[in-house]
Amino acid sequence: MSEKNEPLMGTPTAKRGGWRKTLERYVPILEWLPNYPWSESLMPDIAGSMTLGFVLIGQSLAHAHLCKVELINGPYSCMLPPIIYAFFGTSVHASVGTGVALSGPKKVLNCQGSSGVELVDEAHTAAAGTAT
């Protein structure tokens, strides 16, 4: 039989590290932000984020133009993912942008039609002579 304060299933919360460790596991920024080396890393991180921002603005405008949507939709689509990734991501060297949305393994997005964006098999596109 289990003790009164022990959960019915799994290990007790105290043995797992408590609610804070669980929260840090799902929101990694809570773990690394208090230990962030402000004096050494702030300026290089600002320079890197500005560089990423300039690249993403141009890239997202081009992708919006390719998909025949209003150009403002491009920057809107690439502003929120890096902010979300800062809180929930775990890779130091990740670049989040709209490039992945337009290509995938053996697939190509057909953004030229008036019906919107559709996923087309690359082999059929090349066979039809419409590959870009």
C-alpha atoms as a PDB file:
ATOM      1  CA  MET A   1       0.000   0.000   0.000  1.00  0.00           C
ATOM      2  CA  SER A   2       1.264   3.494  -0.727  1.00  0.00           C
ATOM      3  CA  GLU A   3       1.769   6.278   1.805  1.00  0.00           C
ATOM      4  CA  LYS A   4      -0.834   9.028   2.168  1.00  0.00           C
ATOM      5  CA  ASN A   5       1.187  11.808   0.465  1.00  0.00           C
ATOM      6  CA  GLU A   6       2.579   9.576  -2.322  1.00  0.00           C
ATOM      7  CA  PRO A   7       0.798   9.679  -5.715  1.00  0.00           C
ATOM      8  CA  LEU A   8      -1.090   6.570  -6.719  1.00  0.00           C
ATOM      9  CA  MET A   9       0.994   6.027  -9.863  1.00  0.00           C
ATOM     10  CA  GLY A  10       4.644   6.709 -10.637  1.00  0.00           C
ATOM     11  CA  THR A  11       7.303   8.035  -8.326  1.00  0.00           C
ATOM     12  CA  PRO A  12       6.659  10.631  -5.659  1.00  0.00           C
ATOM     13  CA  THR A  13       6.972  14.257  -6.729  1.00  0.00           C
ATOM     14  CA  ALA A  14       9.861  14.822  -4.292  1.00  0.00           C
ATOM     15  CA  LYS A  15      11.909  12.068  -5.934  1.00  0.00           C
ATOM     16  CA  ARG A  16      11.315  13.431  -9.459  1.00  0.00           C
ATOM     17  CA  GLY A  17      12.517  16.918  -8.557  1.00  0.00           C
ATOM     18  CA  GLY A  18       9.249  18.675  -7.872  1.00  0.00           C
ATOM     19  CA  TRP A  19       7.018  20.910  -9.902  1.00  0.00           C
ATOM     20  CA  ARG A  20       9.820  23.386 -10.709  1.00  0.00           C
ATOM     21  CA  LYS A  21      11.943  20.741 -12.441  1.00  0.00           C
ATOM     22  CA  THR A  22       8.901  19.551 -14.348  1.00  0.00           C
ATOM     23  CA  LEU A  23       8.144  23.111 -15.473  1.00  0.00           C
ATOM     24  CA  GLU A  24      11.796  23.680 -16.467  1.00  0.00           C
ATOM     25  CA  ARG A  25      11.645  20.502 -18.523  1.00  0.00           C
ATOM     26  CA  TYR A  26       8.783  21.877 -20.636  1.00  0.00           C
ATOM     27  CA  VAL A  27       9.839  25.554 -20.576  1.00  0.00           C
ATOM     28  CA  PRO A  28      13.673  25.466 -20.803  1.00  0.00           C
ATOM     29  CA  ILE A  29      14.067  29.251 -20.624  1.00  0.00           C
ATOM     30  CA  LEU A  30      13.226  29.039 -16.919  1.00  0.00           C
ATOM     31  CA  GLU A  31      16.355  26.960 -16.391  1.00  0.00           C
ATOM     32  CA  TRP A  32      18.937  28.848 -18.443  1.00  0.00           C
ATOM     33  CA  LEU A  33      17.785  32.479 -18.149  1.00  0.00           C
ATOM     34  CA  PRO A  34      18.776  32.911 -14.457  1.00  0.00           C
ATOM     35  CA  ASN A  35      22.288  31.668 -15.365  1.00  0.00           C
ATOM     36  CA  TYR A  36      22.618  33.676 -18.586  1.00  0.00           C
ATOM     37  CA  PRO A  37      26.039  35.403 -18.865  1.00  0.00           C
ATOM     38  CA  TRP A  38      24.683  38.908 -19.572  1.00  0.00           C
ATOM     39  CA  SER A  39      28.016  40.733 -19.845  1.00  0.00           C
ATOM     40  CA  GLU A  40      29.614  38.275 -22.295  1.00  0.00           C
ATOM     41  CA  SER A  41      26.652  37.131 -24.384  1.00  0.00           C
ATOM     42  CA  LEU A  42      24.116  39.950 -24.646  1.00  0.00           C
ATOM     43  CA  MET A  43      25.724  41.912 -27.496  1.00  0.00           C
ATOM     44  CA  PRO A  44      26.569  38.856 -29.661  1.00  0.00           C
ATOM     45  CA  ASP A  45      23.032  37.549 -29.123  1.00  0.00           C
ATOM     46  CA  ILE A  46      21.534  40.904 -30.148  1.00  0.00           C
ATOM     47  CA  ALA A  47      23.734  40.940 -33.277  1.00  0.00           C
ATOM     48  CA  GLY A  48      22.697  37.367 -34.103  1.00  0.00           C
ATOM     49  CA  SER A  49      19.018  38.080 -33.589  1.00  0.00           C
ATOM     50  CA  MET A  50      19.174  41.193 -35.777  1.00  0.00           C
ATOM     51  CA  THR A  51      20.929  39.203 -38.518  1.00  0.00           C
ATOM     52  CA  LEU A  52      18.311  36.463 -38.291  1.00  0.00           C
ATOM     53  CA  GLY A  53      15.562  39.098 -38.379  1.00  0.00           C
ATOM     54  CA  PHE A  54      16.917  40.747 -41.534  1.00  0.00           C
ATOM     55  CA  VAL A  55      17.271  37.401 -43.296  1.00  0.00           C
ATOM     56  CA  LEU A  56      13.789  36.280 -42.257  1.00  0.00           C
ATOM     57  CA  ILE A  57      12.161  39.529 -43.409  1.00  0.00           C
ATOM     58  CA  GLY A  58      13.526  39.177 -46.931  1.00  0.00           C
ATOM     59  CA  GLN A  59      12.898  35.441 -47.048  1.00  0.00           C
ATOM     60  CA  SER A  60       9.344  35.733 -45.767  1.00  0.00           C
ATOM     61  CA  LEU A  61       8.483  38.506 -48.235  1.00  0.00           C
ATOM     62  CA  ALA A  62       9.759  36.342 -51.089  1.00  0.00           C
ATOM     63  CA  HIS A  63       7.788  33.330 -49.879  1.00  0.00           C
ATOM     64  CA  ALA A  64       4.617  35.400 -49.542  1.00  0.00           C
ATOM     65  CA  HIS A  65       5.108  36.674 -53.100  1.00  0.00           C
ATOM     66  CA  LEU A  66       5.619  33.106 -54.392  1.00  0.00           C
ATOM     67  CA  CYS A  67       2.400  31.989 -52.723  1.00  0.00           C
ATOM     68  CA  LYS A  68       0.434  34.915 -54.152  1.00  0.00           C
ATOM     69  CA  VAL A  69      -0.736  36.225 -50.770  1.00  0.00           C
ATOM     70  CA  GLU A  70      -0.461  39.713 -49.376  1.00  0.00           C
ATOM     71  CA  LEU A  71       3.190  40.450 -48.636  1.00  0.00           C
ATOM     72  CA  ILE A  72       2.481  41.381 -45.015  1.00  0.00           C
ATOM     73  CA  ASN A  73       1.518  37.749 -44.348  1.00  0.00           C
ATOM     74  CA  GLY A  74       5.159  36.740 -44.874  1.00  0.00           C
ATOM     75  CA  PRO A  75       6.661  38.685 -41.956  1.00  0.00           C
ATOM     76  CA  TYR A  76       3.672  37.803 -39.770  1.00  0.00           C
ATOM     77  CA  SER A  77       4.376  34.124 -40.385  1.00  0.00           C
ATOM     78  CA  CYS A  78       8.010  34.384 -39.284  1.00  0.00           C
ATOM     79  CA  MET A  79       7.755  36.686 -36.253  1.00  0.00           C
ATOM     80  CA  LEU A  80       6.068  34.392 -33.758  1.00  0.00           C
ATOM     81  CA  PRO A  81       7.976  31.084 -34.252  1.00  0.00           C
ATOM     82  CA  PRO A  82      11.383  32.416 -33.042  1.00  0.00           C
ATOM     83  CA  ILE A  83       9.721  33.970 -29.984  1.00  0.00           C
ATOM     84  CA  ILE A  84       7.953  30.717 -29.148  1.00  0.00           C
ATOM     85  CA  TYR A  85      11.163  28.771 -29.768  1.00  0.00           C
ATOM     86  CA  ALA A  86      13.048  31.001 -27.315  1.00  0.00           C
ATOM     87  CA  PHE A  87      10.748  29.757 -24.549  1.00  0.00           C
ATOM     88  CA  PHE A  88      10.224  26.117 -25.540  1.00  0.00           C
ATOM     89  CA  GLY A  89      13.205  25.221 -27.766  1.00  0.00           C
ATOM     90  CA  THR A  90      16.243  23.302 -26.613  1.00  0.00           C
ATOM     91  CA  SER A  91      18.798  23.834 -29.415  1.00  0.00           C
ATOM     92  CA  VAL A  92      21.253  26.700 -29.190  1.00  0.00           C
ATOM     93  CA  HIS A  93      21.907  26.721 -32.939  1.00  0.00           C
ATOM     94  CA  ALA A  94      18.369  26.678 -34.333  1.00  0.00           C
ATOM     95  CA  SER A  95      17.075  29.081 -36.957  1.00  0.00           C
ATOM     96  CA  VAL A  96      13.312  29.177 -37.289  1.00  0.00           C
ATOM     97  CA  GLY A  97      11.827  30.598 -40.469  1.00  0.00           C
ATOM     98  CA  THR A  98       9.470  30.095 -43.377  1.00  0.00           C
ATOM     99  CA  GLY A  99      11.873  27.987 -45.467  1.00  0.00           C
ATOM    100  CA  VAL A 100      10.698  24.693 -44.034  1.00  0.00           C
ATOM    101  CA  ALA A 101       7.095  25.559 -44.806  1.00  0.00           C
ATOM    102  CA  LEU A 102       7.869  25.695 -48.522  1.00  0.00           C
ATOM    103  CA  SER A 103       9.863  22.505 -48.959  1.00  0.00           C
ATOM    104  CA  GLY A 104      10.140  19.028 -47.602  1.00  0.00           C
ATOM    105  CA  PRO A 105      11.721  15.720 -48.500  1.00  0.00           C
ATOM    106  CA  LYS A 106      10.585  14.750 -52.011  1.00  0.00           C
ATOM    107  CA  LYS A 107       7.765  17.283 -51.878  1.00  0.00           C
ATOM    108  CA  VAL A 108       7.358  20.765 -53.357  1.00  0.00           C
ATOM    109  CA  LEU A 109       4.704  23.330 -52.564  1.00  0.00           C
ATOM    110  CA  ASN A 110       2.807  24.615 -55.554  1.00  0.00           C
ATOM    111  CA  CYS A 111       2.043  28.210 -54.610  1.00  0.00           C
ATOM    112  CA  GLN A 112       1.156  29.481 -58.084  1.00  0.00           C
ATOM    113  CA  GLY A 113      -2.483  28.436 -58.263  1.00  0.00           C
ATOM    114  CA  SER A 114      -5.393  30.673 -57.342  1.00  0.00           C
ATOM    115  CA  SER A 115      -6.762  27.928 -55.093  1.00  0.00           C
ATOM    116  CA  GLY A 116      -3.952  28.446 -52.601  1.00  0.00           C
ATOM    117  CA  VAL A 117      -1.010  26.298 -51.595  1.00  0.00           C
ATOM    118  CA  GLU A 118      -1.021  22.608 -52.414  1.00  0.00           C
ATOM    119  CA  LEU A 119       1.542  19.894 -51.789  1.00  0.00           C
ATOM    120  CA  VAL A 120       2.718  18.235 -55.001  1.00  0.00           C
ATOM    121  CA  ASP A 121       4.950  15.181 -55.409  1.00  0.00           C
ATOM    122  CA  GLU A 122       8.315  16.298 -56.816  1.00  0.00           C
ATOM    123  CA  ALA A 123       8.457  13.375 -59.292  1.00  0.00           C
ATOM    124  CA  HIS A 124       5.106  14.325 -60.859  1.00  0.00           C
ATOM    125  CA  THR A 125       6.119  17.993 -61.036  1.00  0.00           C
ATOM    126  CA  ALA A 126       9.417  17.179 -62.798  1.00  0.00           C
ATOM    127  CA  ALA A 127       7.676  14.746 -65.198  1.00  0.00           C
ATOM    128  CA  ALA A 128       5.152  17.412 -66.160  1.00  0.00           C
ATOM    129  CA  GLY A 129       7.956  19.915 -66.804  1.00  0.00           C
ATOM    130  CA  THR A 130       6.683  22.414 -64.264  1.00  0.00           C
ATOM    131  CA  ALA A 131       9.486  22.104 -61.698  1.00  0.00           C
ATOM    132  CA  THR A 132      10.823  25.427 -60.513  1.00  0.00           C
END
